[in-house]
Amino acid sequence: MHQKLKKEVLSFLVKTRSLKHYDELSPHQVAYKAVQLIENVIEGNNPPIINLTNEIQKSTQEQN
């Protein structure tokens, strides 16, 4: 995996761990968000790795 992407994924995980919004999600909501993420990565106009990077960036920005 590309080093920059690894850094973004780790940053995303650290940030979301500290966000109350994510702590309050029900199991159903977590599953729904996971499906949305997978669909956005697979169905995007770019290669999946770029779509994943974009989705991670959007997810962290939503909570700001």
PDB file of N, CA and C in Angstrom:
ATOM      1  N   MET A   1       0.860  -1.176   0.000  1.00  0.00           N
ATOM      2  CA  MET A   1       0.000   0.000   0.000  1.00  0.00           C
ATOM      3  C   MET A   1       0.903   1.235   0.000  1.00  0.00           C
ATOM      4  N   HIS A   2       0.515   2.209  -0.733  1.00  0.00           N
ATOM      5  CA  HIS A   2       1.243   3.458  -0.860  1.00  0.00           C
ATOM      6  C   HIS A   2       1.397   4.131   0.511  1.00  0.00           C
ATOM      7  N   GLN A   3       2.585   4.655   0.814  1.00  0.00           N
ATOM      8  CA  GLN A   3       2.869   5.250   2.121  1.00  0.00           C
ATOM      9  C   GLN A   3       1.913   6.389   2.472  1.00  0.00           C
ATOM     10  N   LYS A   4       1.609   7.238   1.501  1.00  0.00           N
ATOM     11  CA  LYS A   4       0.708   8.371   1.754  1.00  0.00           C
ATOM     12  C   LYS A   4      -0.681   7.863   2.134  1.00  0.00           C
ATOM     13  N   LEU A   5      -1.138   6.833   1.440  1.00  0.00           N
ATOM     14  CA  LEU A   5      -2.450   6.270   1.744  1.00  0.00           C
ATOM     15  C   LEU A   5      -2.453   5.642   3.132  1.00  0.00           C
ATOM     16  N   LYS A   6      -1.387   4.937   3.489  1.00  0.00           N
ATOM     17  CA  LYS A   6      -1.288   4.362   4.829  1.00  0.00           C
ATOM     18  C   LYS A   6      -1.407   5.453   5.885  1.00  0.00           C
ATOM     19  N   LYS A   7      -0.715   6.557   5.664  1.00  0.00           N
ATOM     20  CA  LYS A   7      -0.753   7.678   6.610  1.00  0.00           C
ATOM     21  C   LYS A   7      -2.172   8.235   6.720  1.00  0.00           C
ATOM     22  N   GLU A   8      -2.865   8.378   5.591  1.00  0.00           N
ATOM     23  CA  GLU A   8      -4.231   8.904   5.605  1.00  0.00           C
ATOM     24  C   GLU A   8      -5.188   7.954   6.317  1.00  0.00           C
ATOM     25  N   VAL A   9      -5.041   6.657   6.070  1.00  0.00           N
ATOM     26  CA  VAL A   9      -5.901   5.674   6.728  1.00  0.00           C
ATOM     27  C   VAL A   9      -5.679   5.717   8.233  1.00  0.00           C
ATOM     28  N   LEU A  10      -4.424   5.728   8.672  1.00  0.00           N
ATOM     29  CA  LEU A  10      -4.133   5.784  10.102  1.00  0.00           C
ATOM     30  C   LEU A  10      -4.644   7.076  10.720  1.00  0.00           C
ATOM     31  N   SER A  11      -4.470   8.182  10.018  1.00  0.00           N
ATOM     32  CA  SER A  11      -4.971   9.469  10.514  1.00  0.00           C
ATOM     33  C   SER A  11      -6.489   9.428  10.656  1.00  0.00           C
ATOM     34  N   PHE A  12      -7.161   8.837   9.673  1.00  0.00           N
ATOM     35  CA  PHE A  12      -8.614   8.696   9.707  1.00  0.00           C
ATOM     36  C   PHE A  12      -9.047   7.863  10.909  1.00  0.00           C
ATOM     37  N   LEU A  13      -8.365   6.742  11.139  1.00  0.00           N
ATOM     38  CA  LEU A  13      -8.725   5.868  12.251  1.00  0.00           C
ATOM     39  C   LEU A  13      -8.504   6.551  13.602  1.00  0.00           C
ATOM     40  N   VAL A  14      -7.406   7.262  13.730  1.00  0.00           N
ATOM     41  CA  VAL A  14      -7.133   7.977  14.983  1.00  0.00           C
ATOM     42  C   VAL A  14      -8.172   9.064  15.207  1.00  0.00           C
ATOM     43  N   LYS A  15      -8.483   9.805  14.154  1.00  0.00           N
ATOM     44  CA  LYS A  15      -9.445  10.903  14.288  1.00  0.00           C
ATOM     45  C   LYS A  15     -10.840  10.382  14.620  1.00  0.00           C
ATOM     46  N   THR A  16     -11.289   9.354  13.925  1.00  0.00           N
ATOM     47  CA  THR A  16     -12.647   8.862  14.162  1.00  0.00           C
ATOM     48  C   THR A  16     -12.780   8.196  15.521  1.00  0.00           C
ATOM     49  N   ARG A  17     -11.684   7.658  16.024  1.00  0.00           N
ATOM     50  CA  ARG A  17     -11.740   7.039  17.349  1.00  0.00           C
ATOM     51  C   ARG A  17     -12.075   8.074  18.417  1.00  0.00           C
ATOM     52  N   SER A  18     -11.677   9.312  18.192  1.00  0.00           N
ATOM     53  CA  SER A  18     -11.895  10.349  19.193  1.00  0.00           C
ATOM     54  C   SER A  18     -13.166  11.167  18.946  1.00  0.00           C
ATOM     55  N   LEU A  19     -13.924  10.819  17.926  1.00  0.00           N
ATOM     56  CA  LEU A  19     -15.131  11.588  17.619  1.00  0.00           C
ATOM     57  C   LEU A  19     -16.366  10.957  18.255  1.00  0.00           C
ATOM     58  N   LYS A  20     -17.085  11.749  18.996  1.00  0.00           N
ATOM     59  CA  LYS A  20     -18.287  11.264  19.661  1.00  0.00           C
ATOM     60  C   LYS A  20     -19.308  10.748  18.644  1.00  0.00           C
ATOM     61  N   HIS A  21     -19.379  11.399  17.504  1.00  0.00           N
ATOM     62  CA  HIS A  21     -20.330  11.009  16.456  1.00  0.00           C
ATOM     63  C   HIS A  21     -20.186   9.519  16.117  1.00  0.00           C
ATOM     64  N   TYR A  22     -18.960   9.055  15.959  1.00  0.00           N
ATOM     65  CA  TYR A  22     -18.746   7.660  15.604  1.00  0.00           C
ATOM     66  C   TYR A  22     -19.057   6.724  16.763  1.00  0.00           C
ATOM     67  N   ASP A  23     -18.832   7.172  17.984  1.00  0.00           N
ATOM     68  CA  ASP A  23     -19.134   6.351  19.159  1.00  0.00           C
ATOM     69  C   ASP A  23     -20.629   6.108  19.310  1.00  0.00           C
ATOM     70  N   GLU A  24     -21.441   7.019  18.817  1.00  0.00           N
ATOM     71  CA  GLU A  24     -22.890   6.927  18.989  1.00  0.00           C
ATOM     72  C   GLU A  24     -23.598   6.157  17.876  1.00  0.00           C
ATOM     73  N   LEU A  25     -22.852   5.679  16.885  1.00  0.00           N
ATOM     74  CA  LEU A  25     -23.482   4.942  15.790  1.00  0.00           C
ATOM     75  C   LEU A  25     -23.939   3.563  16.261  1.00  0.00           C
ATOM     76  N   SER A  26     -25.114   3.172  15.804  1.00  0.00           N
ATOM     77  CA  SER A  26     -25.608   1.830  16.100  1.00  0.00           C
ATOM     78  C   SER A  26     -24.912   0.841  15.158  1.00  0.00           C
ATOM     79  N   PRO A  27     -24.950  -0.453  15.459  1.00  0.00           N
ATOM     80  CA  PRO A  27     -24.360  -1.440  14.540  1.00  0.00           C
ATOM     81  C   PRO A  27     -24.944  -1.346  13.129  1.00  0.00           C
ATOM     82  N   HIS A  28     -26.236  -1.056  13.036  1.00  0.00           N
ATOM     83  CA  HIS A  28     -26.876  -0.908  11.724  1.00  0.00           C
ATOM     84  C   HIS A  28     -26.278   0.289  10.971  1.00  0.00           C
ATOM     85  N   GLN A  29     -26.059   1.392  11.667  1.00  0.00           N
ATOM     86  CA  GLN A  29     -25.494   2.578  11.032  1.00  0.00           C
ATOM     87  C   GLN A  29     -24.053   2.336  10.589  1.00  0.00           C
ATOM     88  N   VAL A  30     -23.285   1.599  11.386  1.00  0.00           N
ATOM     89  CA  VAL A  30     -21.911   1.269  11.022  1.00  0.00           C
ATOM     90  C   VAL A  30     -21.915   0.421   9.749  1.00  0.00           C
ATOM     91  N   ALA A  31     -22.798  -0.572   9.695  1.00  0.00           N
ATOM     92  CA  ALA A  31     -22.888  -1.434   8.515  1.00  0.00           C
ATOM     93  C   ALA A  31     -23.287  -0.620   7.282  1.00  0.00           C
ATOM     94  N   TYR A  32     -24.239   0.287   7.448  1.00  0.00           N
ATOM     95  CA  TYR A  32     -24.689   1.120   6.336  1.00  0.00           C
ATOM     96  C   TYR A  32     -23.548   1.999   5.823  1.00  0.00           C
ATOM     97  N   LYS A  33     -22.796   2.619   6.736  1.00  0.00           N
ATOM     98  CA  LYS A  33     -21.664   3.460   6.336  1.00  0.00           C
ATOM     99  C   LYS A  33     -20.599   2.628   5.619  1.00  0.00           C
ATOM    100  N   ALA A  34     -20.381   1.394   6.090  1.00  0.00           N
ATOM    101  CA  ALA A  34     -19.399   0.519   5.448  1.00  0.00           C
ATOM    102  C   ALA A  34     -19.828   0.181   4.017  1.00  0.00           C
ATOM    103  N   VAL A  35     -21.094  -0.119   3.830  1.00  0.00           N
ATOM    104  CA  VAL A  35     -21.611  -0.426   2.491  1.00  0.00           C
ATOM    105  C   VAL A  35     -21.487   0.797   1.587  1.00  0.00           C
ATOM    106  N   GLN A  36     -21.818   1.968   2.112  1.00  0.00           N
ATOM    107  CA  GLN A  36     -21.685   3.200   1.323  1.00  0.00           C
ATOM    108  C   GLN A  36     -20.241   3.403   0.885  1.00  0.00           C
ATOM    109  N   LEU A  37     -19.306   3.195   1.810  1.00  0.00           N
ATOM    110  CA  LEU A  37     -17.895   3.370   1.493  1.00  0.00           C
ATOM    111  C   LEU A  37     -17.472   2.405   0.388  1.00  0.00           C
ATOM    112  N   ILE A  38     -17.841   1.143   0.520  1.00  0.00           N
ATOM    113  CA  ILE A  38     -17.468   0.141  -0.481  1.00  0.00           C
ATOM    114  C   ILE A  38     -18.066   0.484  -1.842  1.00  0.00           C
ATOM    115  N   GLU A  39     -19.322   0.868  -1.864  1.00  0.00           N
ATOM    116  CA  GLU A  39     -19.963   1.241  -3.130  1.00  0.00           C
ATOM    117  C   GLU A  39     -19.270   2.440  -3.767  1.00  0.00           C
ATOM    118  N   ASN A  40     -18.948   3.439  -2.965  1.00  0.00           N
ATOM    119  CA  ASN A  40     -18.292   4.635  -3.502  1.00  0.00           C
ATOM    120  C   ASN A  40     -16.901   4.318  -4.047  1.00  0.00           C
ATOM    121  N   VAL A  41     -16.190   3.409  -3.401  1.00  0.00           N
ATOM    122  CA  VAL A  41     -14.847   3.037  -3.862  1.00  0.00           C
ATOM    123  C   VAL A  41     -14.943   2.248  -5.162  1.00  0.00           C
ATOM    124  N   ILE A  42     -15.877   1.310  -5.238  1.00  0.00           N
ATOM    125  CA  ILE A  42     -15.997   0.449  -6.420  1.00  0.00           C
ATOM    126  C   ILE A  42     -16.607   1.185  -7.611  1.00  0.00           C
ATOM    127  N   GLU A  43     -17.623   2.003  -7.359  1.00  0.00           N
ATOM    128  CA  GLU A  43     -18.368   2.622  -8.455  1.00  0.00           C
ATOM    129  C   GLU A  43     -17.830   3.976  -8.895  1.00  0.00           C
ATOM    130  N   GLY A  44     -16.794   4.471  -8.263  1.00  0.00           N
ATOM    131  CA  GLY A  44     -16.254   5.784  -8.617  1.00  0.00           C
ATOM    132  C   GLY A  44     -15.657   5.816 -10.009  1.00  0.00           C
ATOM    133  N   ASN A  45     -15.394   7.019 -10.483  1.00  0.00           N
ATOM    134  CA  ASN A  45     -14.846   7.215 -11.827  1.00  0.00           C
ATOM    135  C   ASN A  45     -13.340   6.988 -11.896  1.00  0.00           C
ATOM    136  N   ASN A  46     -12.679   6.971 -10.758  1.00  0.00           N
ATOM    137  CA  ASN A  46     -11.228   6.804 -10.694  1.00  0.00           C
ATOM    138  C   ASN A  46     -10.890   5.367 -10.316  1.00  0.00           C
ATOM    139  N   PRO A  47      -9.594   5.019 -10.365  1.00  0.00           N
ATOM    140  CA  PRO A  47      -9.190   3.693  -9.875  1.00  0.00           C
ATOM    141  C   PRO A  47      -9.566   3.550  -8.398  1.00  0.00           C
ATOM    142  N   PRO A  48      -9.852   2.343  -7.940  1.00  0.00           N
ATOM    143  CA  PRO A  48     -10.301   2.147  -6.552  1.00  0.00           C
ATOM    144  C   PRO A  48      -9.394   2.770  -5.490  1.00  0.00           C
ATOM    145  N   ILE A  49      -8.089   2.736  -5.678  1.00  0.00           N
ATOM    146  CA  ILE A  49      -7.184   3.292  -4.664  1.00  0.00           C
ATOM    147  C   ILE A  49      -7.386   4.801  -4.524  1.00  0.00           C
ATOM    148  N   ILE A  50      -7.646   5.478  -5.620  1.00  0.00           N
ATOM    149  CA  ILE A  50      -7.897   6.930  -5.574  1.00  0.00           C
ATOM    150  C   ILE A  50      -9.265   7.190  -4.959  1.00  0.00           C
ATOM    151  N   ASN A  51     -10.245   6.363  -5.323  1.00  0.00           N
ATOM    152  CA  ASN A  51     -11.576   6.519  -4.730  1.00  0.00           C
ATOM    153  C   ASN A  51     -11.517   6.326  -3.221  1.00  0.00           C
ATOM    154  N   LEU A  52     -10.740   5.348  -2.766  1.00  0.00           N
ATOM    155  CA  LEU A  52     -10.601   5.110  -1.331  1.00  0.00           C
ATOM    156  C   LEU A  52      -9.987   6.326  -0.646  1.00  0.00           C
ATOM    157  N   THR A  53      -8.939   6.863  -1.228  1.00  0.00           N
ATOM    158  CA  THR A  53      -8.302   8.059  -0.671  1.00  0.00           C
ATOM    159  C   THR A  53      -9.301   9.204  -0.581  1.00  0.00           C
ATOM    160  N   ASN A  54     -10.077   9.403  -1.632  1.00  0.00           N
ATOM    161  CA  ASN A  54     -11.067  10.479  -1.641  1.00  0.00           C
ATOM    162  C   ASN A  54     -12.136  10.265  -0.571  1.00  0.00           C
ATOM    163  N   GLU A  55     -12.591   9.041  -0.417  1.00  0.00           N
ATOM    164  CA  GLU A  55     -13.621   8.734   0.579  1.00  0.00           C
ATOM    165  C   GLU A  55     -13.103   8.957   2.003  1.00  0.00           C
ATOM    166  N   ILE A  56     -11.864   8.600   2.259  1.00  0.00           N
ATOM    167  CA  ILE A  56     -11.272   8.827   3.572  1.00  0.00           C
ATOM    168  C   ILE A  56     -11.196  10.318   3.850  1.00  0.00           C
ATOM    169  N   GLN A  57     -10.772  11.079   2.881  1.00  0.00           N
ATOM    170  CA  GLN A  57     -10.682  12.527   3.063  1.00  0.00           C
ATOM    171  C   GLN A  57     -12.059  13.142   3.299  1.00  0.00           C
ATOM    172  N   LYS A  58     -13.078  12.704   2.557  1.00  0.00           N
ATOM    173  CA  LYS A  58     -14.422  13.233   2.740  1.00  0.00           C
ATOM    174  C   LYS A  58     -14.962  12.862   4.133  1.00  0.00           C
ATOM    175  N   SER A  59     -14.692  11.651   4.569  1.00  0.00           N
ATOM    176  CA  SER A  59     -15.204  11.198   5.867  1.00  0.00           C
ATOM    177  C   SER A  59     -14.635  12.023   7.009  1.00  0.00           C
ATOM    178  N   THR A  60     -13.365  12.360   6.936  1.00  0.00           N
ATOM    179  CA  THR A  60     -12.774  13.147   8.022  1.00  0.00           C
ATOM    180  C   THR A  60     -13.241  14.587   7.954  1.00  0.00           C
ATOM    181  N   GLN A  61     -13.518  15.091   6.776  1.00  0.00           N
ATOM    182  CA  GLN A  61     -13.968  16.478   6.635  1.00  0.00           C
ATOM    183  C   GLN A  61     -15.411  16.648   7.089  1.00  0.00           C
ATOM    184  N   GLU A  62     -16.231  15.599   6.975  1.00  0.00           N
ATOM    185  CA  GLU A  62     -17.635  15.679   7.376  1.00  0.00           C
ATOM    186  C   GLU A  62     -17.783  16.045   8.844  1.00  0.00           C
ATOM    187  N   GLN A  63     -16.839  15.631   9.654  1.00  0.00           N
ATOM    188  CA  GLN A  63     -16.955  15.808  11.094  1.00  0.00           C
ATOM    189  C   GLN A  63     -16.373  17.122  11.593  1.00  0.00           C
ATOM    190  N   ASN A  64     -15.730  17.894  10.737  1.00  0.00           N
ATOM    191  CA  ASN A  64     -15.128  19.165  11.163  1.00  0.00           C
ATOM    192  C   ASN A  64     -16.164  20.222  11.396  1.00  0.00           C
TER     193      ASN A  64
END
